Amino acid sequence: MIIRHYTDIPAATVEAGAEGTTIREMITVREGAPTFAMRLFELAPGGHTPFHAHPWEHEVFILEGAGAVNSEQGPQPFKAGDAVFIPGDEKHQFTNGGSGVLKFICVIPVQNPCDV
């Protein structure tokens, strides 16, 4: 069993196609998780992740803030307390439309490389 505070995990800047976005890899294969990786994303006001797609799904829980998930069908707004499911191969991008930090947990299958 592992218990640690999220601030004990260094935040890495998400570079390619993102702006104002950091990731903390909370639980991954490095901690012995064989099935899922849990990551914490923080987006500054006006920040966004890249607009991209990949074969695996995302399960996301919005901890604080508000914003939208952009897709090819347009933006879908969300707020703190919302859960978001993005199927594999669907283009998506998280954006922070609020005045504070947007913070969310994202879970993906471990057999895939960590990606936003």
PDB file of N, CA and C in Angstrom:
ATOM      1  N   MET A   1       0.844  -1.179   0.000  1.00  0.00           N
ATOM      2  CA  MET A   1       0.000   0.000   0.000  1.00  0.00           C
ATOM      3  C   MET A   1       0.887   1.239   0.000  1.00  0.00           C
ATOM      4  N   ILE A   2       0.437   2.241  -0.727  1.00  0.00           N
ATOM      5  CA  ILE A   2       1.151   3.515  -0.780  1.00  0.00           C
ATOM      6  C   ILE A   2       0.152   4.633  -0.467  1.00  0.00           C
ATOM      7  N   ILE A   3       0.528   5.497   0.440  1.00  0.00           N
ATOM      8  CA  ILE A   3      -0.249   6.699   0.721  1.00  0.00           C
ATOM      9  C   ILE A   3       0.732   7.859   0.722  1.00  0.00           C
ATOM     10  N   ARG A   4       0.428   8.861  -0.073  1.00  0.00           N
ATOM     11  CA  ARG A   4       1.273  10.053  -0.087  1.00  0.00           C
ATOM     12  C   ARG A   4       0.441  11.241  -0.528  1.00  0.00           C
ATOM     13  N   HIS A   5       0.887  12.403  -0.149  1.00  0.00           N
ATOM     14  CA  HIS A   5       0.191  13.630  -0.519  1.00  0.00           C
ATOM     15  C   HIS A   5       0.574  14.029  -1.937  1.00  0.00           C
ATOM     16  N   TYR A   6      -0.384  14.559  -2.676  1.00  0.00           N
ATOM     17  CA  TYR A   6      -0.102  14.888  -4.080  1.00  0.00           C
ATOM     18  C   TYR A   6       1.026  15.888  -4.237  1.00  0.00           C
ATOM     19  N   THR A   7       1.229  16.775  -3.268  1.00  0.00           N
ATOM     20  CA  THR A   7       2.297  17.772  -3.391  1.00  0.00           C
ATOM     21  C   THR A   7       3.685  17.160  -3.206  1.00  0.00           C
ATOM     22  N   ASP A   8       3.756  15.906  -2.742  1.00  0.00           N
ATOM     23  CA  ASP A   8       5.040  15.217  -2.641  1.00  0.00           C
ATOM     24  C   ASP A   8       5.520  14.697  -4.000  1.00  0.00           C
ATOM     25  N   ILE A   9       4.653  14.755  -5.008  1.00  0.00           N
ATOM     26  CA  ILE A   9       4.985  14.295  -6.356  1.00  0.00           C
ATOM     27  C   ILE A   9       5.277  15.528  -7.208  1.00  0.00           C
ATOM     28  N   PRO A  10       6.436  15.606  -7.821  1.00  0.00           N
ATOM     29  CA  PRO A  10       6.760  16.796  -8.610  1.00  0.00           C
ATOM     30  C   PRO A  10       5.810  16.988  -9.792  1.00  0.00           C
ATOM     31  N   ALA A  11       5.447  18.224 -10.033  1.00  0.00           N
ATOM     32  CA  ALA A  11       4.613  18.574 -11.191  1.00  0.00           C
ATOM     33  C   ALA A  11       5.525  18.772 -12.400  1.00  0.00           C
ATOM     34  N   ALA A  12       5.187  18.108 -13.490  1.00  0.00           N
ATOM     35  CA  ALA A  12       5.936  18.257 -14.741  1.00  0.00           C
ATOM     36  C   ALA A  12       5.102  19.099 -15.707  1.00  0.00           C
ATOM     37  N   THR A  13       5.749  19.955 -16.447  1.00  0.00           N
ATOM     38  CA  THR A  13       5.058  20.775 -17.427  1.00  0.00           C
ATOM     39  C   THR A  13       4.692  19.936 -18.639  1.00  0.00           C
ATOM     40  N   VAL A  14       3.438  20.045 -19.074  1.00  0.00           N
ATOM     41  CA  VAL A  14       3.008  19.393 -20.315  1.00  0.00           C
ATOM     42  C   VAL A  14       3.395  20.348 -21.439  1.00  0.00           C
ATOM     43  N   GLU A  15       4.232  19.906 -22.338  1.00  0.00           N
ATOM     44  CA  GLU A  15       4.832  20.780 -23.345  1.00  0.00           C
ATOM     45  C   GLU A  15       4.078  20.804 -24.670  1.00  0.00           C
ATOM     46  N   ALA A  16       4.150  19.743 -25.432  1.00  0.00           N
ATOM     47  CA  ALA A  16       3.701  19.711 -26.817  1.00  0.00           C
ATOM     48  C   ALA A  16       2.207  20.005 -26.954  1.00  0.00           C
ATOM     49  N   GLY A  17       1.882  21.160 -27.524  1.00  0.00           N
ATOM     50  CA  GLY A  17       0.499  21.519 -27.806  1.00  0.00           C
ATOM     51  C   GLY A  17      -0.303  21.995 -26.614  1.00  0.00           C
ATOM     52  N   ALA A  18       0.323  22.097 -25.454  1.00  0.00           N
ATOM     53  CA  ALA A  18      -0.375  22.533 -24.242  1.00  0.00           C
ATOM     54  C   ALA A  18       0.113  23.908 -23.825  1.00  0.00           C
ATOM     55  N   GLU A  19      -0.668  24.529 -22.957  1.00  0.00           N
ATOM     56  CA  GLU A  19      -0.281  25.826 -22.411  1.00  0.00           C
ATOM     57  C   GLU A  19      -0.776  25.896 -20.974  1.00  0.00           C
ATOM     58  N   GLY A  20       0.112  26.292 -20.044  1.00  0.00           N
ATOM     59  CA  GLY A  20      -0.281  26.465 -18.653  1.00  0.00           C
ATOM     60  C   GLY A  20      -0.756  25.181 -17.990  1.00  0.00           C
ATOM     61  N   THR A  21      -0.191  24.032 -18.371  1.00  0.00           N
ATOM     62  CA  THR A  21      -0.660  22.733 -17.887  1.00  0.00           C
ATOM     63  C   THR A  21       0.481  21.950 -17.249  1.00  0.00           C
ATOM     64  N   THR A  22       0.207  21.419 -16.051  1.00  0.00           N
ATOM     65  CA  THR A  22       1.149  20.519 -15.398  1.00  0.00           C
ATOM     66  C   THR A  22       0.470  19.191 -15.101  1.00  0.00           C
ATOM     67  N   ILE A  23       1.300  18.151 -14.929  1.00  0.00           N
ATOM     68  CA  ILE A  23       0.824  16.803 -14.615  1.00  0.00           C
ATOM     69  C   ILE A  23       1.646  16.250 -13.455  1.00  0.00           C
ATOM     70  N   ARG A  24       0.968  15.553 -12.564  1.00  0.00           N
ATOM     71  CA  ARG A  24       1.626  14.789 -11.501  1.00  0.00           C
ATOM     72  C   ARG A  24       1.189  13.340 -11.696  1.00  0.00           C
ATOM     73  N   GLU A  25       2.128  12.449 -11.927  1.00  0.00           N
ATOM     74  CA  GLU A  25       1.815  11.032 -12.114  1.00  0.00           C
ATOM     75  C   GLU A  25       1.708  10.399 -10.734  1.00  0.00           C
ATOM     76  N   MET A  26       0.477  10.331 -10.232  1.00  0.00           N
ATOM     77  CA  MET A  26       0.200   9.933  -8.854  1.00  0.00           C
ATOM     78  C   MET A  26       0.462   8.450  -8.613  1.00  0.00           C
ATOM     79  N   ILE A  27      -0.139   7.598  -9.424  1.00  0.00           N
ATOM     80  CA  ILE A  27       0.015   6.147  -9.301  1.00  0.00           C
ATOM     81  C   ILE A  27       0.168   5.592 -10.710  1.00  0.00           C
ATOM     82  N   THR A  28       1.286   4.906 -10.947  1.00  0.00           N
ATOM     83  CA  THR A  28       1.560   4.337 -12.272  1.00  0.00           C
ATOM     84  C   THR A  28       2.197   2.969 -12.083  1.00  0.00           C
ATOM     85  N   VAL A  29       2.675   2.411 -13.158  1.00  0.00           N
ATOM     86  CA  VAL A  29       3.375   1.128 -13.106  1.00  0.00           C
ATOM     87  C   VAL A  29       4.597   1.219 -12.191  1.00  0.00           C
ATOM     88  N   ARG A  30       5.188   2.399 -12.046  1.00  0.00           N
ATOM     89  CA  ARG A  30       6.351   2.574 -11.151  1.00  0.00           C
ATOM     90  C   ARG A  30       6.000   2.245  -9.705  1.00  0.00           C
ATOM     91  N   GLU A  31       4.747   2.465  -9.323  1.00  0.00           N
ATOM     92  CA  GLU A  31       4.300   2.143  -7.965  1.00  0.00           C
ATOM     93  C   GLU A  31       3.718   0.727  -7.885  1.00  0.00           C
ATOM     94  N   GLY A  32       3.727   0.005  -9.003  1.00  0.00           N
ATOM     95  CA  GLY A  32       3.238  -1.362  -9.027  1.00  0.00           C
ATOM     96  C   GLY A  32       1.789  -1.500  -9.462  1.00  0.00           C
ATOM     97  N   ALA A  33       1.197  -0.455 -10.012  1.00  0.00           N
ATOM     98  CA  ALA A  33      -0.190  -0.513 -10.483  1.00  0.00           C
ATOM     99  C   ALA A  33      -0.231  -1.248 -11.826  1.00  0.00           C
ATOM    100  N   PRO A  34      -0.828  -2.428 -11.894  1.00  0.00           N
ATOM    101  CA  PRO A  34      -0.775  -3.219 -13.124  1.00  0.00           C
ATOM    102  C   PRO A  34      -1.823  -2.859 -14.168  1.00  0.00           C
ATOM    103  N   THR A  35      -2.828  -2.073 -13.797  1.00  0.00           N
ATOM    104  CA  THR A  35      -3.960  -1.892 -14.694  1.00  0.00           C
ATOM    105  C   THR A  35      -4.196  -0.445 -15.109  1.00  0.00           C
ATOM    106  N   PHE A  36      -4.124   0.494 -14.159  1.00  0.00           N
ATOM    107  CA  PHE A  36      -4.456   1.889 -14.441  1.00  0.00           C
ATOM    108  C   PHE A  36      -3.362   2.826 -13.961  1.00  0.00           C
ATOM    109  N   ALA A  37      -3.286   3.991 -14.604  1.00  0.00           N
ATOM    110  CA  ALA A  37      -2.435   5.089 -14.152  1.00  0.00           C
ATOM    111  C   ALA A  37      -3.349   6.242 -13.752  1.00  0.00           C
ATOM    112  N   MET A  38      -3.071   6.813 -12.582  1.00  0.00           N
ATOM    113  CA  MET A  38      -3.823   7.973 -12.098  1.00  0.00           C
ATOM    114  C   MET A  38      -2.909   9.189 -12.144  1.00  0.00           C
ATOM    115  N   ARG A  39      -3.390  10.223 -12.832  1.00  0.00           N
ATOM    116  CA  ARG A  39      -2.612  11.452 -12.970  1.00  0.00           C
ATOM    117  C   ARG A  39      -3.444  12.635 -12.503  1.00  0.00           C
ATOM    118  N   LEU A  40      -2.788  13.648 -11.946  1.00  0.00           N
ATOM    119  CA  LEU A  40      -3.441  14.890 -11.542  1.00  0.00           C
ATOM    120  C   LEU A  40      -2.960  15.996 -12.474  1.00  0.00           C
ATOM    121  N   PHE A  41      -3.912  16.642 -13.138  1.00  0.00           N
ATOM    122  CA  PHE A  41      -3.604  17.767 -14.024  1.00  0.00           C
ATOM    123  C   PHE A  41      -4.024  19.064 -13.361  1.00  0.00           C
ATOM    124  N   GLU A  42      -3.221  20.107 -13.561  1.00  0.00           N
ATOM    125  CA  GLU A  42      -3.555  21.455 -13.119  1.00  0.00           C
ATOM    126  C   GLU A  42      -3.362  22.393 -14.303  1.00  0.00           C
ATOM    127  N   LEU A  43      -4.421  23.143 -14.623  1.00  0.00           N
ATOM    128  CA  LEU A  43      -4.377  24.087 -15.733  1.00  0.00           C
ATOM    129  C   LEU A  43      -4.569  25.489 -15.180  1.00  0.00           C
ATOM    130  N   ALA A  44      -3.647  26.368 -15.511  1.00  0.00           N
ATOM    131  CA  ALA A  44      -3.755  27.773 -15.122  1.00  0.00           C
ATOM    132  C   ALA A  44      -4.923  28.411 -15.875  1.00  0.00           C
ATOM    133  N   PRO A  45      -5.439  29.546 -15.391  1.00  0.00           N
ATOM    134  CA  PRO A  45      -6.482  30.244 -16.145  1.00  0.00           C
ATOM    135  C   PRO A  45      -6.029  30.477 -17.594  1.00  0.00           C
ATOM    136  N   GLY A  46      -6.889  30.121 -18.541  1.00  0.00           N
ATOM    137  CA  GLY A  46      -6.563  30.230 -19.959  1.00  0.00           C
ATOM    138  C   GLY A  46      -5.739  29.065 -20.487  1.00  0.00           C
ATOM    139  N   GLY A  47      -5.337  28.142 -19.627  1.00  0.00           N
ATOM    140  CA  GLY A  47      -4.511  27.012 -20.032  1.00  0.00           C
ATOM    141  C   GLY A  47      -5.317  25.935 -20.738  1.00  0.00           C
ATOM    142  N   HIS A  48      -4.598  25.052 -21.438  1.00  0.00           N
ATOM    143  CA  HIS A  48      -5.254  23.954 -22.148  1.00  0.00           C
ATOM    144  C   HIS A  48      -4.280  22.805 -22.377  1.00  0.00           C
ATOM    145  N   THR A  49      -4.842  21.612 -22.565  1.00  0.00           N
ATOM    146  CA  THR A  49      -4.065  20.449 -22.980  1.00  0.00           C
ATOM    147  C   THR A  49      -4.036  20.440 -24.504  1.00  0.00           C
ATOM    148  N   PRO A  50      -3.234  19.567 -25.127  1.00  0.00           N
ATOM    149  CA  PRO A  50      -3.233  19.495 -26.589  1.00  0.00           C
ATOM    150  C   PRO A  50      -4.575  18.965 -27.122  1.00  0.00           C
ATOM    151  N   PHE A  51      -4.902  19.308 -28.348  1.00  0.00           N
ATOM    152  CA  PHE A  51      -6.069  18.727 -29.027  1.00  0.00           C
ATOM    153  C   PHE A  51      -5.553  17.487 -29.739  1.00  0.00           C
ATOM    154  N   HIS A  52      -5.952  16.301 -29.255  1.00  0.00           N
ATOM    155  CA  HIS A  52      -5.351  15.060 -29.730  1.00  0.00           C
ATOM    156  C   HIS A  52      -6.299  13.883 -29.526  1.00  0.00           C
ATOM    157  N   ALA A  53      -5.916  12.735 -30.047  1.00  0.00           N
ATOM    158  CA  ALA A  53      -6.667  11.496 -29.877  1.00  0.00           C
ATOM    159  C   ALA A  53      -5.672  10.349 -29.724  1.00  0.00           C
ATOM    160  N   HIS A  54      -6.130   9.252 -29.127  1.00  0.00           N
ATOM    161  CA  HIS A  54      -5.344   8.037 -28.957  1.00  0.00           C
ATOM    162  C   HIS A  54      -6.304   6.876 -28.746  1.00  0.00           C
ATOM    163  N   PRO A  55      -5.845   5.646 -28.840  1.00  0.00           N
ATOM    164  CA  PRO A  55      -6.770   4.501 -28.820  1.00  0.00           C
ATOM    165  C   PRO A  55      -7.402   4.189 -27.465  1.00  0.00           C
ATOM    166  N   TRP A  56      -6.878   4.703 -26.381  1.00  0.00           N
ATOM    167  CA  TRP A  56      -7.429   4.369 -25.063  1.00  0.00           C
ATOM    168  C   TRP A  56      -8.348   5.467 -24.542  1.00  0.00           C
ATOM    169  N   GLU A  57      -9.229   5.048 -23.637  1.00  0.00           N
ATOM    170  CA  GLU A  57     -10.179   5.995 -23.039  1.00  0.00           C
ATOM    171  C   GLU A  57      -9.540   6.748 -21.882  1.00  0.00           C
ATOM    172  N   HIS A  58     -10.234   7.832 -21.480  1.00  0.00           N
ATOM    173  CA  HIS A  58      -9.914   8.584 -20.258  1.00  0.00           C
ATOM    174  C   HIS A  58     -11.140   8.553 -19.363  1.00  0.00           C
ATOM    175  N   GLU A  59     -10.906   8.407 -18.070  1.00  0.00           N
ATOM    176  CA  GLU A  59     -11.921   8.689 -17.069  1.00  0.00           C
ATOM    177  C   GLU A  59     -11.385   9.844 -16.239  1.00  0.00           C
ATOM    178  N   VAL A  60     -12.175  10.908 -16.124  1.00  0.00           N
ATOM    179  CA  VAL A  60     -11.710  12.148 -15.507  1.00  0.00           C
ATOM    180  C   VAL A  60     -12.699  12.584 -14.432  1.00  0.00           C
ATOM    181  N   PHE A  61     -12.167  13.073 -13.305  1.00  0.00           N
ATOM    182  CA  PHE A  61     -13.006  13.667 -12.265  1.00  0.00           C
ATOM    183  C   PHE A  61     -12.499  15.072 -11.996  1.00  0.00           C
ATOM    184  N   ILE A  62     -13.395  16.057 -12.126  1.00  0.00           N
ATOM    185  CA  ILE A  62     -13.032  17.467 -11.945  1.00  0.00           C
ATOM    186  C   ILE A  62     -13.049  17.782 -10.450  1.00  0.00           C
ATOM    187  N   LEU A  63     -11.878  18.115  -9.897  1.00  0.00           N
ATOM    188  CA  LEU A  63     -11.751  18.408  -8.477  1.00  0.00           C
ATOM    189  C   LEU A  63     -12.110  19.849  -8.155  1.00  0.00           C
ATOM    190  N   GLU A  64     -11.582  20.777  -8.959  1.00  0.00           N
ATOM    191  CA  GLU A  64     -11.903  22.195  -8.731  1.00  0.00           C
ATOM    192  C   GLU A  64     -11.757  22.969 -10.025  1.00  0.00           C
ATOM    193  N   GLY A  65     -12.512  24.061 -10.094  1.00  0.00           N
ATOM    194  CA  GLY A  65     -12.489  24.897 -11.279  1.00  0.00           C
ATOM    195  C   GLY A  65     -13.593  24.541 -12.257  1.00  0.00           C
ATOM    196  N   ALA A  66     -13.517  25.154 -13.425  1.00  0.00           N
ATOM    197  CA  ALA A  66     -14.499  24.943 -14.485  1.00  0.00           C
ATOM    198  C   ALA A  66     -13.809  25.126 -15.824  1.00  0.00           C
ATOM    199  N   GLY A  67     -14.392  24.535 -16.845  1.00  0.00           N
ATOM    200  CA  GLY A  67     -13.825  24.654 -18.174  1.00  0.00           C
ATOM    201  C   GLY A  67     -14.654  23.892 -19.173  1.00  0.00           C
ATOM    202  N   ALA A  68     -13.987  23.370 -20.191  1.00  0.00           N
ATOM    203  CA  ALA A  68     -14.688  22.622 -21.240  1.00  0.00           C
ATOM    204  C   ALA A  68     -13.752  21.573 -21.808  1.00  0.00           C
ATOM    205  N   VAL A  69     -14.366  20.503 -22.313  1.00  0.00           N
ATOM    206  CA  VAL A  69     -13.639  19.528 -23.119  1.00  0.00           C
ATOM    207  C   VAL A  69     -14.030  19.827 -24.555  1.00  0.00           C
ATOM    208  N   ASN A  70     -13.057  20.192 -25.361  1.00  0.00           N
ATOM    209  CA  ASN A  70     -13.307  20.444 -26.775  1.00  0.00           C
ATOM    210  C   ASN A  70     -13.201  19.130 -27.539  1.00  0.00           C
ATOM    211  N   SER A  71     -14.111  18.934 -28.481  1.00  0.00           N
ATOM    212  CA  SER A  71     -14.075  17.759 -29.350  1.00  0.00           C
ATOM    213  C   SER A  71     -14.395  18.230 -30.764  1.00  0.00           C
ATOM    214  N   GLU A  72     -14.460  17.305 -31.698  1.00  0.00           N
ATOM    215  CA  GLU A  72     -14.815  17.681 -33.061  1.00  0.00           C
ATOM    216  C   GLU A  72     -16.270  18.121 -33.157  1.00  0.00           C
ATOM    217  N   GLN A  73     -17.074  17.826 -32.133  1.00  0.00           N
ATOM    218  CA  GLN A  73     -18.474  18.262 -32.092  1.00  0.00           C
ATOM    219  C   GLN A  73     -18.630  19.597 -31.359  1.00  0.00           C
ATOM    220  N   GLY A  74     -17.533  20.156 -30.849  1.00  0.00           N
ATOM    221  CA  GLY A  74     -17.583  21.423 -30.139  1.00  0.00           C
ATOM    222  C   GLY A  74     -17.290  21.256 -28.665  1.00  0.00           C
ATOM    223  N   PRO A  75     -17.319  22.364 -27.911  1.00  0.00           N
ATOM    224  CA  PRO A  75     -16.984  22.308 -26.489  1.00  0.00           C
ATOM    225  C   PRO A  75     -18.139  21.762 -25.640  1.00  0.00           C
ATOM    226  N   GLN A  76     -17.770  20.986 -24.617  1.00  0.00           N
ATOM    227  CA  GLN A  76     -18.719  20.472 -23.630  1.00  0.00           C
ATOM    228  C   GLN A  76     -18.282  21.010 -22.273  1.00  0.00           C
ATOM    229  N   PRO A  77     -19.074  21.915 -21.657  1.00  0.00           N
ATOM    230  CA  PRO A  77     -18.656  22.521 -20.390  1.00  0.00           C
ATOM    231  C   PRO A  77     -18.708  21.528 -19.225  1.00  0.00           C
ATOM    232  N   PHE A  78     -17.867  21.775 -18.228  1.00  0.00           N
ATOM    233  CA  PHE A  78     -17.869  20.992 -16.991  1.00  0.00           C
ATOM    234  C   PHE A  78     -17.514  21.905 -15.824  1.00  0.00           C
ATOM    235  N   LYS A  79     -17.766  21.395 -14.617  1.00  0.00           N
ATOM    236  CA  LYS A  79     -17.461  22.132 -13.389  1.00  0.00           C
ATOM    237  C   LYS A  79     -16.999  21.144 -12.329  1.00  0.00           C
ATOM    238  N   ALA A  80     -16.520  21.659 -11.196  1.00  0.00           N
ATOM    239  CA  ALA A  80     -16.076  20.811 -10.092  1.00  0.00           C
ATOM    240  C   ALA A  80     -17.185  19.843  -9.706  1.00  0.00           C
ATOM    241  N   GLY A  81     -16.803  18.585  -9.496  1.00  0.00           N
ATOM    242  CA  GLY A  81     -17.756  17.539  -9.139  1.00  0.00           C
ATOM    243  C   GLY A  81     -18.238  16.723 -10.315  1.00  0.00           C
ATOM    244  N   ASP A  82     -17.952  17.168 -11.548  1.00  0.00           N
ATOM    245  CA  ASP A  82     -18.381  16.431 -12.739  1.00  0.00           C
ATOM    246  C   ASP A  82     -17.392  15.299 -13.053  1.00  0.00           C
ATOM    247  N   ALA A  83     -17.924  14.213 -13.617  1.00  0.00           N
ATOM    248  CA  ALA A  83     -17.111  13.120 -14.141  1.00  0.00           C
ATOM    249  C   ALA A  83     -17.211  13.153 -15.662  1.00  0.00           C
ATOM    250  N   VAL A  84     -16.099  12.908 -16.339  1.00  0.00           N
ATOM    251  CA  VAL A  84     -16.022  12.981 -17.797  1.00  0.00           C
ATOM    252  C   VAL A  84     -15.483  11.654 -18.318  1.00  0.00           C
ATOM    253  N   PHE A  85     -16.133  11.095 -19.331  1.00  0.00           N
ATOM    254  CA  PHE A  85     -15.628   9.903 -20.008  1.00  0.00           C
ATOM    255  C   PHE A  85     -15.333  10.265 -21.454  1.00  0.00           C
ATOM    256  N   ILE A  86     -14.136   9.963 -21.904  1.00  0.00           N
ATOM    257  CA  ILE A  86     -13.748  10.194 -23.297  1.00  0.00           C
ATOM    258  C   ILE A  86     -13.367   8.840 -23.889  1.00  0.00           C
ATOM    259  N   PRO A  87     -14.142   8.346 -24.862  1.00  0.00           N
ATOM    260  CA  PRO A  87     -13.811   7.052 -25.477  1.00  0.00           C
ATOM    261  C   PRO A  87     -12.498   7.111 -26.252  1.00  0.00           C
ATOM    262  N   GLY A  88     -11.907   5.965 -26.466  1.00  0.00           N
ATOM    263  CA  GLY A  88     -10.700   5.896 -27.279  1.00  0.00           C
ATOM    264  C   GLY A  88     -10.947   6.436 -28.678  1.00  0.00           C
ATOM    265  N   ASP A  89      -9.921   7.025 -29.266  1.00  0.00           N
ATOM    266  CA  ASP A  89      -9.917   7.573 -30.627  1.00  0.00           C
ATOM    267  C   ASP A  89     -10.760   8.834 -30.802  1.00  0.00           C
ATOM    268  N   GLU A  90     -11.312   9.386 -29.716  1.00  0.00           N
ATOM    269  CA  GLU A  90     -12.066  10.650 -29.834  1.00  0.00           C
ATOM    270  C   GLU A  90     -11.120  11.817 -29.562  1.00  0.00           C
ATOM    271  N   LYS A  91     -11.048  12.754 -30.519  1.00  0.00           N
ATOM    272  CA  LYS A  91     -10.218  13.942 -30.326  1.00  0.00           C
ATOM    273  C   LYS A  91     -10.768  14.741 -29.149  1.00  0.00           C
ATOM    274  N   HIS A  92      -9.847  15.268 -28.312  1.00  0.00           N
ATOM    275  CA  HIS A  92     -10.264  16.001 -27.124  1.00  0.00           C
ATOM    276  C   HIS A  92      -9.175  16.974 -26.678  1.00  0.00           C
ATOM    277  N   GLN A  93      -9.626  17.973 -25.930  1.00  0.00           N
ATOM    278  CA  GLN A  93      -8.737  18.980 -25.357  1.00  0.00           C
ATOM    279  C   GLN A  93      -9.453  19.578 -24.152  1.00  0.00           C
ATOM    280  N   PHE A  94      -8.775  19.624 -23.011  1.00  0.00           N
ATOM    281  CA  PHE A  94      -9.328  20.267 -21.826  1.00  0.00           C
ATOM    282  C   PHE A  94      -8.885  21.723 -21.809  1.00  0.00           C
ATOM    283  N   THR A  95      -9.810  22.620 -21.507  1.00  0.00           N
ATOM    284  CA  THR A  95      -9.487  24.047 -21.414  1.00  0.00           C
ATOM    285  C   THR A  95      -9.995  24.598 -20.093  1.00  0.00           C
ATOM    286  N   ASN A  96      -9.249  25.531 -19.537  1.00  0.00           N
ATOM    287  CA  ASN A  96      -9.663  26.209 -18.315  1.00  0.00           C
ATOM    288  C   ASN A  96     -10.302  27.539 -18.694  1.00  0.00           C
ATOM    289  N   GLY A  97     -11.611  27.632 -18.508  1.00  0.00           N
ATOM    290  CA  GLY A  97     -12.335  28.855 -18.824  1.00  0.00           C
ATOM    291  C   GLY A  97     -12.606  29.713 -17.607  1.00  0.00           C
ATOM    292  N   GLY A  98     -12.089  29.319 -16.450  1.00  0.00           N
ATOM    293  CA  GLY A  98     -12.358  30.054 -15.217  1.00  0.00           C
ATOM    294  C   GLY A  98     -11.225  30.986 -14.836  1.00  0.00           C
ATOM    295  N   SER A  99     -11.378  31.628 -13.682  1.00  0.00           N
ATOM    296  CA  SER A  99     -10.367  32.577 -13.206  1.00  0.00           C
ATOM    297  C   SER A  99      -9.386  31.934 -12.231  1.00  0.00           C
ATOM    298  N   GLY A 100      -9.659  30.706 -11.791  1.00  0.00           N
ATOM    299  CA  GLY A 100      -8.762  29.991 -10.890  1.00  0.00           C
ATOM    300  C   GLY A 100      -8.174  28.779 -11.566  1.00  0.00           C
ATOM    301  N   VAL A 101      -7.391  28.033 -10.816  1.00  0.00           N
ATOM    302  CA  VAL A 101      -6.758  26.816 -11.332  1.00  0.00           C
ATOM    303  C   VAL A 101      -7.819  25.740 -11.548  1.00  0.00           C
ATOM    304  N   LEU A 102      -7.740  25.050 -12.670  1.00  0.00           N
ATOM    305  CA  LEU A 102      -8.568  23.882 -12.958  1.00  0.00           C
ATOM    306  C   LEU A 102      -7.748  22.664 -12.568  1.00  0.00           C
ATOM    307  N   LYS A 103      -8.320  21.804 -11.711  1.00  0.00           N
ATOM    308  CA  LYS A 103      -7.607  20.632 -11.222  1.00  0.00           C
ATOM    309  C   LYS A 103      -8.478  19.413 -11.459  1.00  0.00           C
ATOM    310  N   PHE A 104      -7.900  18.378 -12.112  1.00  0.00           N
ATOM    311  CA  PHE A 104      -8.668  17.152 -12.328  1.00  0.00           C
ATOM    312  C   PHE A 104      -7.787  15.914 -12.270  1.00  0.00           C
ATOM    313  N   ILE A 105      -8.420  14.809 -11.852  1.00  0.00           N
ATOM    314  CA  ILE A 105      -7.800  13.488 -11.850  1.00  0.00           C
ATOM    315  C   ILE A 105      -8.153  12.817 -13.169  1.00  0.00           C
ATOM    316  N   CYS A 106      -7.180  12.198 -13.810  1.00  0.00           N
ATOM    317  CA  CYS A 106      -7.392  11.474 -15.058  1.00  0.00           C
ATOM    318  C   CYS A 106      -6.821  10.075 -14.906  1.00  0.00           C
ATOM    319  N   VAL A 107      -7.625   9.071 -15.235  1.00  0.00           N
ATOM    320  CA  VAL A 107      -7.218   7.676 -15.134  1.00  0.00           C
ATOM    321  C   VAL A 107      -7.215   7.072 -16.537  1.00  0.00           C
ATOM    322  N   ILE A 108      -6.111   6.381 -16.874  1.00  0.00           N
ATOM    323  CA  ILE A 108      -5.981   5.713 -18.173  1.00  0.00           C
ATOM    324  C   ILE A 108      -5.456   4.295 -17.966  1.00  0.00           C
ATOM    325  N   PRO A 109      -5.646   3.419 -18.939  1.00  0.00           N
ATOM    326  CA  PRO A 109      -5.049   2.078 -18.845  1.00  0.00           C
ATOM    327  C   PRO A 109      -3.534   2.169 -18.821  1.00  0.00           C
ATOM    328  N   VAL A 110      -2.900   1.364 -17.987  1.00  0.00           N
ATOM    329  CA  VAL A 110      -1.456   1.411 -17.802  1.00  0.00           C
ATOM    330  C   VAL A 110      -0.670   0.899 -18.995  1.00  0.00           C
ATOM    331  N   GLN A 111      -1.223   0.016 -19.807  1.00  0.00           N
ATOM    332  CA  GLN A 111      -0.463  -0.551 -20.916  1.00  0.00           C
ATOM    333  C   GLN A 111      -0.180   0.479 -22.013  1.00  0.00           C
ATOM    334  N   ASN A 112      -0.740   1.662 -21.894  1.00  0.00           N
ATOM    335  CA  ASN A 112      -0.499   2.732 -22.868  1.00  0.00           C
ATOM    336  C   ASN A 112       0.434   3.762 -22.264  1.00  0.00           C
ATOM    337  N   PRO A 113       1.223   4.443 -23.076  1.00  0.00           N
ATOM    338  CA  PRO A 113       2.103   5.477 -22.534  1.00  0.00           C
ATOM    339  C   PRO A 113       1.276   6.611 -21.943  1.00  0.00           C
ATOM    340  N   CYS A 114       1.760   7.200 -20.883  1.00  0.00           N
ATOM    341  CA  CYS A 114       1.036   8.309 -20.261  1.00  0.00           C
ATOM    342  C   CYS A 114       0.934   9.449 -21.256  1.00  0.00           C
ATOM    343  N   ASP A 115      -0.263   9.923 -21.415  1.00  0.00           N
ATOM    344  CA  ASP A 115      -0.564  10.978 -22.370  1.00  0.00           C
ATOM    345  C   ASP A 115      -1.729  11.766 -21.793  1.00  0.00           C
ATOM    346  N   VAL A 116      -1.884  12.994 -22.203  1.00  0.00           N
ATOM    347  CA  VAL A 116      -3.001  13.800 -21.729  1.00  0.00           C
ATOM    348  C   VAL A 116      -4.207  13.530 -22.589  1.00  0.00           C
TER     349      VAL A 116
END
